[in-house]
């Protein structure tokens, strides 16, 4: 429960606030126009804002982190062979 409380009340950034605004706007528009599709999309955006998820999951677009908490940057270089 503590982690959900931390996730809900910390780390608010521009994209999270934008998702919350879009979700609330779509929810109100869906209720006024009696449109279930707008309601569905509002739930989607509100879920992303509350849980701080985006892309695929939380930090889905950030670099991979190994078990020690360090970013994985040791990627072997690709060798190319020229074909004539």
PDB file of N, CA and C in Angstrom:
ATOM      1  N   UNK A   1       0.825  -1.203   0.000  1.00  0.00           N
ATOM      2  CA  UNK A   1       0.000   0.000   0.000  1.00  0.00           C
ATOM      3  C   UNK A   1       0.865   1.261   0.000  1.00  0.00           C
ATOM      4  N   UNK A   2       1.994   1.184   0.685  1.00  0.00           N
ATOM      5  CA  UNK A   2       2.867   2.347   0.767  1.00  0.00           C
ATOM      6  C   UNK A   2       3.428   2.726  -0.593  1.00  0.00           C
ATOM      7  N   UNK A   3       3.752   1.734  -1.427  1.00  0.00           N
ATOM      8  CA  UNK A   3       4.299   2.051  -2.738  1.00  0.00           C
ATOM      9  C   UNK A   3       3.255   2.720  -3.630  1.00  0.00           C
ATOM     10  N   UNK A   4       1.999   2.288  -3.535  1.00  0.00           N
ATOM     11  CA  UNK A   4       0.946   2.928  -4.335  1.00  0.00           C
ATOM     12  C   UNK A   4       0.726   4.360  -3.868  1.00  0.00           C
ATOM     13  N   UNK A   5       0.808   4.575  -2.562  1.00  0.00           N
ATOM     14  CA  UNK A   5       0.652   5.922  -2.022  1.00  0.00           C
ATOM     15  C   UNK A   5       1.805   6.813  -2.486  1.00  0.00           C
ATOM     16  N   UNK A   6       3.034   6.272  -2.480  1.00  0.00           N
ATOM     17  CA  UNK A   6       4.180   7.027  -2.967  1.00  0.00           C
ATOM     18  C   UNK A   6       4.025   7.342  -4.447  1.00  0.00           C
ATOM     19  N   UNK A   7       3.608   6.356  -5.235  1.00  0.00           N
ATOM     20  CA  UNK A   7       3.461   6.552  -6.677  1.00  0.00           C
ATOM     21  C   UNK A   7       2.389   7.594  -6.979  1.00  0.00           C
ATOM     22  N   UNK A   8       1.341   7.632  -6.166  1.00  0.00           N
ATOM     23  CA  UNK A   8       0.234   8.554  -6.410  1.00  0.00           C
ATOM     24  C   UNK A   8       0.611   9.996  -6.075  1.00  0.00           C
ATOM     25  N   UNK A   9       1.377  10.199  -5.017  1.00  0.00           N
ATOM     26  CA  UNK A   9       1.621  11.558  -4.542  1.00  0.00           C
ATOM     27  C   UNK A   9       2.997  12.121  -4.885  1.00  0.00           C
ATOM     28  N   UNK A  10       3.853  11.355  -5.572  1.00  0.00           N
ATOM     29  CA  UNK A  10       5.169  11.875  -5.918  1.00  0.00           C
ATOM     30  C   UNK A  10       5.406  11.759  -7.425  1.00  0.00           C
ATOM     31  N   UNK A  11       6.462  12.433  -7.870  1.00  0.00           N
ATOM     32  CA  UNK A  11       6.936  12.352  -9.252  1.00  0.00           C
ATOM     33  C   UNK A  11       5.907  12.839 -10.276  1.00  0.00           C
ATOM     34  N   UNK A  12       5.259  13.965  -9.999  1.00  0.00           N
ATOM     35  CA  UNK A  12       4.326  14.544 -10.964  1.00  0.00           C
ATOM     36  C   UNK A  12       5.109  15.414 -11.933  1.00  0.00           C
ATOM     37  N   UNK A  13       5.043  15.087 -13.208  1.00  0.00           N
ATOM     38  CA  UNK A  13       5.737  15.820 -14.248  1.00  0.00           C
ATOM     39  C   UNK A  13       4.718  16.254 -15.296  1.00  0.00           C
ATOM     40  N   UNK A  14       5.196  16.965 -16.314  1.00  0.00           N
ATOM     41  CA  UNK A  14       4.300  17.558 -17.304  1.00  0.00           C
ATOM     42  C   UNK A  14       3.420  16.522 -17.999  1.00  0.00           C
ATOM     43  N   UNK A  15       3.999  15.412 -18.449  1.00  0.00           N
ATOM     44  CA  UNK A  15       3.203  14.398 -19.159  1.00  0.00           C
ATOM     45  C   UNK A  15       2.143  13.774 -18.255  1.00  0.00           C
ATOM     46  N   UNK A  16       2.468  13.570 -17.000  1.00  0.00           N
ATOM     47  CA  UNK A  16       1.490  12.987 -16.074  1.00  0.00           C
ATOM     48  C   UNK A  16       0.323  13.945 -15.841  1.00  0.00           C
ATOM     49  N   UNK A  17       0.628  15.229 -15.690  1.00  0.00           N
ATOM     50  CA  UNK A  17      -0.422  16.234 -15.515  1.00  0.00           C
ATOM     51  C   UNK A  17      -1.256  16.345 -16.786  1.00  0.00           C
ATOM     52  N   UNK A  18      -0.599  16.266 -17.950  1.00  0.00           N
ATOM     53  CA  UNK A  18      -1.305  16.322 -19.231  1.00  0.00           C
ATOM     54  C   UNK A  18      -2.259  15.135 -19.379  1.00  0.00           C
ATOM     55  N   UNK A  19      -1.804  13.930 -19.024  1.00  0.00           N
ATOM     56  CA  UNK A  19      -2.679  12.745 -19.086  1.00  0.00           C
ATOM     57  C   UNK A  19      -3.876  12.893 -18.156  1.00  0.00           C
ATOM     58  N   UNK A  20      -3.639  13.449 -16.961  1.00  0.00           N
ATOM     59  CA  UNK A  20      -4.743  13.668 -16.022  1.00  0.00           C
ATOM     60  C   UNK A  20      -5.750  14.656 -16.603  1.00  0.00           C
ATOM     61  N   UNK A  21      -5.266  15.739 -17.194  1.00  0.00           N
ATOM     62  CA  UNK A  21      -6.157  16.728 -17.797  1.00  0.00           C
ATOM     63  C   UNK A  21      -6.958  16.154 -18.959  1.00  0.00           C
ATOM     64  N   UNK A  22      -6.294  15.384 -19.826  1.00  0.00           N
ATOM     65  CA  UNK A  22      -6.992  14.762 -20.958  1.00  0.00           C
ATOM     66  C   UNK A  22      -8.029  13.764 -20.453  1.00  0.00           C
ATOM     67  N   UNK A  23      -7.666  12.999 -19.431  1.00  0.00           N
ATOM     68  CA  UNK A  23      -8.603  12.023 -18.872  1.00  0.00           C
ATOM     69  C   UNK A  23      -9.841  12.673 -18.287  1.00  0.00           C
ATOM     70  N   UNK A  24      -9.655  13.744 -17.531  1.00  0.00           N
ATOM     71  CA  UNK A  24     -10.801  14.452 -16.946  1.00  0.00           C
ATOM     72  C   UNK A  24     -11.647  15.088 -18.035  1.00  0.00           C
ATOM     73  N   UNK A  25     -10.984  15.704 -19.028  1.00  0.00           N
ATOM     74  CA  UNK A  25     -11.711  16.341 -20.134  1.00  0.00           C
ATOM     75  C   UNK A  25     -12.542  15.317 -20.906  1.00  0.00           C
ATOM     76  N   UNK A  26     -11.946  14.158 -21.218  1.00  0.00           N
ATOM     77  CA  UNK A  26     -12.688  13.119 -21.951  1.00  0.00           C
ATOM     78  C   UNK A  26     -13.821  12.542 -21.115  1.00  0.00           C
ATOM     79  N   UNK A  27     -13.606  12.413 -19.810  1.00  0.00           N
ATOM     80  CA  UNK A  27     -14.666  11.897 -18.941  1.00  0.00           C
ATOM     81  C   UNK A  27     -15.871  12.843 -18.937  1.00  0.00           C
ATOM     82  N   UNK A  28     -15.617  14.129 -18.789  1.00  0.00           N
ATOM     83  CA  UNK A  28     -16.709  15.108 -18.802  1.00  0.00           C
ATOM     84  C   UNK A  28     -17.395  15.132 -20.166  1.00  0.00           C
ATOM     85  N   UNK A  29     -16.598  15.107 -21.253  1.00  0.00           N
ATOM     86  CA  UNK A  29     -17.174  15.102 -22.598  1.00  0.00           C
ATOM     87  C   UNK A  29     -17.992  13.834 -22.829  1.00  0.00           C
ATOM     88  N   UNK A  30     -17.513  12.703 -22.346  1.00  0.00           N
ATOM     89  CA  UNK A  30     -18.242  11.447 -22.501  1.00  0.00           C
ATOM     90  C   UNK A  30     -19.559  11.443 -21.758  1.00  0.00           C
ATOM     91  N   UNK A  31     -19.564  12.031 -20.576  1.00  0.00           N
ATOM     92  CA  UNK A  31     -20.813  12.102 -19.795  1.00  0.00           C
ATOM     93  C   UNK A  31     -21.797  13.051 -20.461  1.00  0.00           C
ATOM     94  N   UNK A  32     -21.334  14.211 -20.890  1.00  0.00           N
ATOM     95  CA  UNK A  32     -22.226  15.200 -21.508  1.00  0.00           C
ATOM     96  C   UNK A  32     -22.811  14.670 -22.809  1.00  0.00           C
ATOM     97  N   UNK A  33     -21.957  14.044 -23.652  1.00  0.00           N
ATOM     98  CA  UNK A  33     -22.418  13.568 -24.958  1.00  0.00           C
ATOM     99  C   UNK A  33     -22.948  12.145 -24.914  1.00  0.00           C
ATOM    100  N   UNK A  34     -22.896  11.515 -23.739  1.00  0.00           N
ATOM    101  CA  UNK A  34     -23.341  10.125 -23.562  1.00  0.00           C
ATOM    102  C   UNK A  34     -22.637   9.210 -24.568  1.00  0.00           C
ATOM    103  N   UNK A  35     -21.306   9.365 -24.611  1.00  0.00           N
ATOM    104  CA  UNK A  35     -20.477   8.618 -25.545  1.00  0.00           C
ATOM    105  C   UNK A  35     -19.607   7.644 -24.762  1.00  0.00           C
ATOM    106  N   UNK A  36     -19.803   6.355 -24.945  1.00  0.00           N
ATOM    107  CA  UNK A  36     -19.056   5.356 -24.183  1.00  0.00           C
ATOM    108  C   UNK A  36     -17.602   5.280 -24.626  1.00  0.00           C
ATOM    109  N   UNK A  37     -17.299   5.596 -25.882  1.00  0.00           N
ATOM    110  CA  UNK A  37     -15.923   5.541 -26.371  1.00  0.00           C
ATOM    111  C   UNK A  37     -15.066   6.606 -25.678  1.00  0.00           C
ATOM    112  N   UNK A  38     -15.590   7.798 -25.527  1.00  0.00           N
ATOM    113  CA  UNK A  38     -14.860   8.847 -24.816  1.00  0.00           C
ATOM    114  C   UNK A  38     -14.652   8.455 -23.362  1.00  0.00           C
ATOM    115  N   UNK A  39     -15.640   7.793 -22.780  1.00  0.00           N
ATOM    116  CA  UNK A  39     -15.502   7.301 -21.409  1.00  0.00           C
ATOM    117  C   UNK A  39     -14.417   6.258 -21.291  1.00  0.00           C
ATOM    118  N   UNK A  40     -14.318   5.366 -22.279  1.00  0.00           N
ATOM    119  CA  UNK A  40     -13.283   4.340 -22.268  1.00  0.00           C
ATOM    120  C   UNK A  40     -11.899   4.976 -22.357  1.00  0.00           C
ATOM    121  N   UNK A  41     -11.725   5.928 -23.264  1.00  0.00           N
ATOM    122  CA  UNK A  41     -10.430   6.576 -23.404  1.00  0.00           C
ATOM    123  C   UNK A  41     -10.089   7.424 -22.173  1.00  0.00           C
ATOM    124  N   UNK A  42     -11.106   7.989 -21.524  1.00  0.00           N
ATOM    125  CA  UNK A  42     -10.836   8.751 -20.311  1.00  0.00           C
ATOM    126  C   UNK A  42     -10.313   7.836 -19.214  1.00  0.00           C
ATOM    127  N   UNK A  43     -10.873   6.641 -19.093  1.00  0.00           N
ATOM    128  CA  UNK A  43     -10.384   5.683 -18.097  1.00  0.00           C
ATOM    129  C   UNK A  43      -8.944   5.304 -18.414  1.00  0.00           C
ATOM    130  N   UNK A  44      -8.616   5.130 -19.683  1.00  0.00           N
ATOM    131  CA  UNK A  44      -7.258   4.803 -20.102  1.00  0.00           C
ATOM    132  C   UNK A  44      -6.278   5.897 -19.676  1.00  0.00           C
ATOM    133  N   UNK A  45      -6.601   7.161 -19.959  1.00  0.00           N
ATOM    134  CA  UNK A  45      -5.704   8.258 -19.615  1.00  0.00           C
ATOM    135  C   UNK A  45      -5.644   8.482 -18.105  1.00  0.00           C
ATOM    136  N   UNK A  46      -6.764   8.317 -17.417  1.00  0.00           N
ATOM    137  CA  UNK A  46      -6.756   8.480 -15.965  1.00  0.00           C
ATOM    138  C   UNK A  46      -5.925   7.386 -15.296  1.00  0.00           C
ATOM    139  N   UNK A  47      -6.003   6.162 -15.810  1.00  0.00           N
ATOM    140  CA  UNK A  47      -5.196   5.070 -15.270  1.00  0.00           C
ATOM    141  C   UNK A  47      -3.708   5.380 -15.449  1.00  0.00           C
ATOM    142  N   UNK A  48      -3.349   5.882 -16.630  1.00  0.00           N
ATOM    143  CA  UNK A  48      -1.946   6.226 -16.868  1.00  0.00           C
ATOM    144  C   UNK A  48      -1.479   7.337 -15.936  1.00  0.00           C
ATOM    145  N   UNK A  49      -2.332   8.313 -15.684  1.00  0.00           N
ATOM    146  CA  UNK A  49      -1.944   9.424 -14.815  1.00  0.00           C
ATOM    147  C   UNK A  49      -1.806   8.978 -13.366  1.00  0.00           C
ATOM    148  N   UNK A  50      -2.738   8.174 -12.883  1.00  0.00           N
ATOM    149  CA  UNK A  50      -2.714   7.755 -11.483  1.00  0.00           C
ATOM    150  C   UNK A  50      -1.550   6.818 -11.206  1.00  0.00           C
ATOM    151  N   UNK A  51      -1.291   5.876 -12.104  1.00  0.00           N
ATOM    152  CA  UNK A  51      -0.241   4.888 -11.867  1.00  0.00           C
ATOM    153  C   UNK A  51       1.104   5.311 -12.427  1.00  0.00           C
ATOM    154  N   UNK A  52       1.189   6.467 -13.081  1.00  0.00           N
ATOM    155  CA  UNK A  52       2.413   6.980 -13.697  1.00  0.00           C
ATOM    156  C   UNK A  52       2.991   5.983 -14.694  1.00  0.00           C
ATOM    157  N   UNK A  53       2.134   5.460 -15.543  1.00  0.00           N
ATOM    158  CA  UNK A  53       2.581   4.565 -16.607  1.00  0.00           C
ATOM    159  C   UNK A  53       2.411   5.273 -17.938  1.00  0.00           C
ATOM    160  N   UNK A  54       3.132   4.827 -18.889  1.00  0.00           N
ATOM    161  CA  UNK A  54       3.056   5.372 -20.223  1.00  0.00           C
ATOM    162  C   UNK A  54       3.792   4.423 -21.135  1.00  0.00           C
ATOM    163  N   UNK A  55       3.873   4.715 -22.393  1.00  0.00           N
ATOM    164  CA  UNK A  55       4.517   3.824 -23.356  1.00  0.00           C
ATOM    165  C   UNK A  55       3.991   2.409 -23.159  1.00  0.00           C
ATOM    166  N   UNK A  56       4.737   1.580 -22.462  1.00  0.00           N
ATOM    167  CA  UNK A  56       4.297   0.212 -22.211  1.00  0.00           C
ATOM    168  C   UNK A  56       4.065  -0.030 -20.729  1.00  0.00           C
ATOM    169  N   UNK A  57       4.862   0.588 -19.887  1.00  0.00           N
ATOM    170  CA  UNK A  57       4.733   0.439 -18.437  1.00  0.00           C
ATOM    171  C   UNK A  57       5.464   1.593 -17.777  1.00  0.00           C
ATOM    172  N   UNK A  58       5.608   1.517 -16.491  1.00  0.00           N
ATOM    173  CA  UNK A  58       6.339   2.564 -15.794  1.00  0.00           C
ATOM    174  C   UNK A  58       7.784   2.564 -16.272  1.00  0.00           C
ATOM    175  N   UNK A  59       8.271   3.676 -16.701  1.00  0.00           N
ATOM    176  CA  UNK A  59       9.628   3.836 -17.239  1.00  0.00           C
ATOM    177  C   UNK A  59       9.873   2.912 -18.420  1.00  0.00           C
ATOM    178  N   UNK A  60       8.891   2.719 -19.255  1.00  0.00           N
ATOM    179  CA  UNK A  60       9.019   1.818 -20.395  1.00  0.00           C
ATOM    180  C   UNK A  60       9.995   2.317 -21.440  1.00  0.00           C
ATOM    181  N   UNK A  61      10.235   3.600 -21.509  1.00  0.00           N
ATOM    182  CA  UNK A  61      11.139   4.134 -22.516  1.00  0.00           C
ATOM    183  C   UNK A  61      12.501   4.478 -21.952  1.00  0.00           C
ATOM    184  N   UNK A  62      12.724   4.239 -20.685  1.00  0.00           N
ATOM    185  CA  UNK A  62      14.018   4.553 -20.088  1.00  0.00           C
ATOM    186  C   UNK A  62      15.005   3.416 -20.322  1.00  0.00           C
ATOM    187  N   UNK A  63      16.291   3.680 -20.137  1.00  0.00           N
ATOM    188  CA  UNK A  63      17.278   2.617 -20.326  1.00  0.00           C
ATOM    189  C   UNK A  63      17.071   1.479 -19.340  1.00  0.00           C
ATOM    190  N   UNK A  64      17.488   0.288 -19.735  1.00  0.00           N
ATOM    191  CA  UNK A  64      17.343  -0.874 -18.867  1.00  0.00           C
ATOM    192  C   UNK A  64      18.222  -0.713 -17.632  1.00  0.00           C
ATOM    193  N   UNK A  65      17.755  -1.235 -16.492  1.00  0.00           N
ATOM    194  CA  UNK A  65      18.498  -1.172 -15.243  1.00  0.00           C
ATOM    195  C   UNK A  65      18.740  -2.597 -14.781  1.00  0.00           C
ATOM    196  N   UNK A  66      19.990  -2.895 -14.405  1.00  0.00           N
ATOM    197  CA  UNK A  66      20.260  -4.249 -13.929  1.00  0.00           C
ATOM    198  C   UNK A  66      19.912  -4.382 -12.453  1.00  0.00           C
ATOM    199  N   UNK A  67      20.206  -5.514 -11.832  1.00  0.00           N
ATOM    200  CA  UNK A  67      19.790  -5.793 -10.458  1.00  0.00           C
ATOM    201  C   UNK A  67      20.459  -4.883  -9.438  1.00  0.00           C
ATOM    202  N   UNK A  68      21.627  -4.345  -9.755  1.00  0.00           N
ATOM    203  CA  UNK A  68      22.311  -3.464  -8.811  1.00  0.00           C
ATOM    204  C   UNK A  68      21.790  -2.035  -8.883  1.00  0.00           C
ATOM    205  N   UNK A  69      20.915  -1.743  -9.835  1.00  0.00           N
ATOM    206  CA  UNK A  69      20.325  -0.420  -9.957  1.00  0.00           C
ATOM    207  C   UNK A  69      21.079   0.496 -10.895  1.00  0.00           C
ATOM    208  N   UNK A  70      22.114  -0.025 -11.567  1.00  0.00           N
ATOM    209  CA  UNK A  70      22.873   0.791 -12.502  1.00  0.00           C
ATOM    210  C   UNK A  70      22.322   0.613 -13.913  1.00  0.00           C
ATOM    211  N   UNK A  71      22.410   1.662 -14.704  1.00  0.00           N
ATOM    212  CA  UNK A  71      21.937   1.585 -16.085  1.00  0.00           C
ATOM    213  C   UNK A  71      22.839   0.669 -16.899  1.00  0.00           C
ATOM    214  N   UNK A  72      22.242  -0.094 -17.769  1.00  0.00           N
ATOM    215  CA  UNK A  72      23.000  -1.003 -18.612  1.00  0.00           C
ATOM    216  C   UNK A  72      23.545  -0.215 -19.796  1.00  0.00           C
ATOM    217  N   UNK A  73      24.852  -0.002 -19.804  1.00  0.00           N
ATOM    218  CA  UNK A  73      25.470   0.741 -20.903  1.00  0.00           C
ATOM    219  C   UNK A  73      26.552  -0.073 -21.588  1.00  0.00           C
ATOM    220  N   UNK A  74      26.855  -1.246 -21.076  1.00  0.00           N
ATOM    221  CA  UNK A  74      27.904  -2.085 -21.652  1.00  0.00           C
ATOM    222  C   UNK A  74      27.330  -2.966 -22.754  1.00  0.00           C
ATOM    223  N   UNK A  75      26.986  -2.348 -23.861  1.00  0.00           N
ATOM    224  CA  UNK A  75      26.447  -3.073 -25.005  1.00  0.00           C
ATOM    225  C   UNK A  75      27.591  -3.299 -25.986  1.00  0.00           C
ATOM    226  N   UNK A  76      27.831  -4.544 -26.386  1.00  0.00           N
ATOM    227  CA  UNK A  76      28.948  -4.783 -27.304  1.00  0.00           C
ATOM    228  C   UNK A  76      28.691  -4.109 -28.657  1.00  0.00           C
ATOM    229  N   UNK A  77      29.775  -3.612 -29.257  1.00  0.00           N
ATOM    230  CA  UNK A  77      29.647  -2.958 -30.551  1.00  0.00           C
ATOM    231  C   UNK A  77      29.408  -3.982 -31.648  1.00  0.00           C
ATOM    232  N   UNK A  78      28.604  -3.589 -32.600  1.00  0.00           N
ATOM    233  CA  UNK A  78      28.305  -4.452 -33.731  1.00  0.00           C
ATOM    234  C   UNK A  78      29.400  -4.297 -34.780  1.00  0.00           C
ATOM    235  N   UNK A  79      29.887  -5.427 -35.267  1.00  0.00           N
ATOM    236  CA  UNK A  79      30.901  -5.392 -36.309  1.00  0.00           C
ATOM    237  C   UNK A  79      30.224  -5.643 -37.662  1.00  0.00           C
ATOM    238  N   UNK A  80      30.587  -4.820 -38.641  1.00  0.00           N
ATOM    239  CA  UNK A  80      30.007  -4.937 -39.972  1.00  0.00           C
ATOM    240  C   UNK A  80      31.082  -5.399 -40.947  1.00  0.00           C
ATOM    241  N   UNK A  81      30.681  -6.232 -41.889  1.00  0.00           N
ATOM    242  CA  UNK A  81      31.600  -6.718 -42.916  1.00  0.00           C
ATOM    243  C   UNK A  81      31.110  -6.210 -44.258  1.00  0.00           C
ATOM    244  N   UNK A  82      31.992  -5.564 -45.001  1.00  0.00           N
ATOM    245  CA  UNK A  82      31.611  -5.025 -46.290  1.00  0.00           C
ATOM    246  C   UNK A  82      31.616  -6.128 -47.335  1.00  0.00           C
ATOM    247  N   UNK A  83      30.531  -6.228 -48.067  1.00  0.00           N
ATOM    248  CA  UNK A  83      30.402  -7.241 -49.112  1.00  0.00           C
ATOM    249  C   UNK A  83      30.468  -6.532 -50.457  1.00  0.00           C
ATOM    250  N   UNK A  84      31.391  -7.008 -51.327  1.00  0.00           N
ATOM    251  CA  UNK A  84      31.538  -6.361 -52.637  1.00  0.00           C
ATOM    252  C   UNK A  84      31.002  -7.250 -53.716  1.00  0.00           C
TER     253      UNK A  84
END
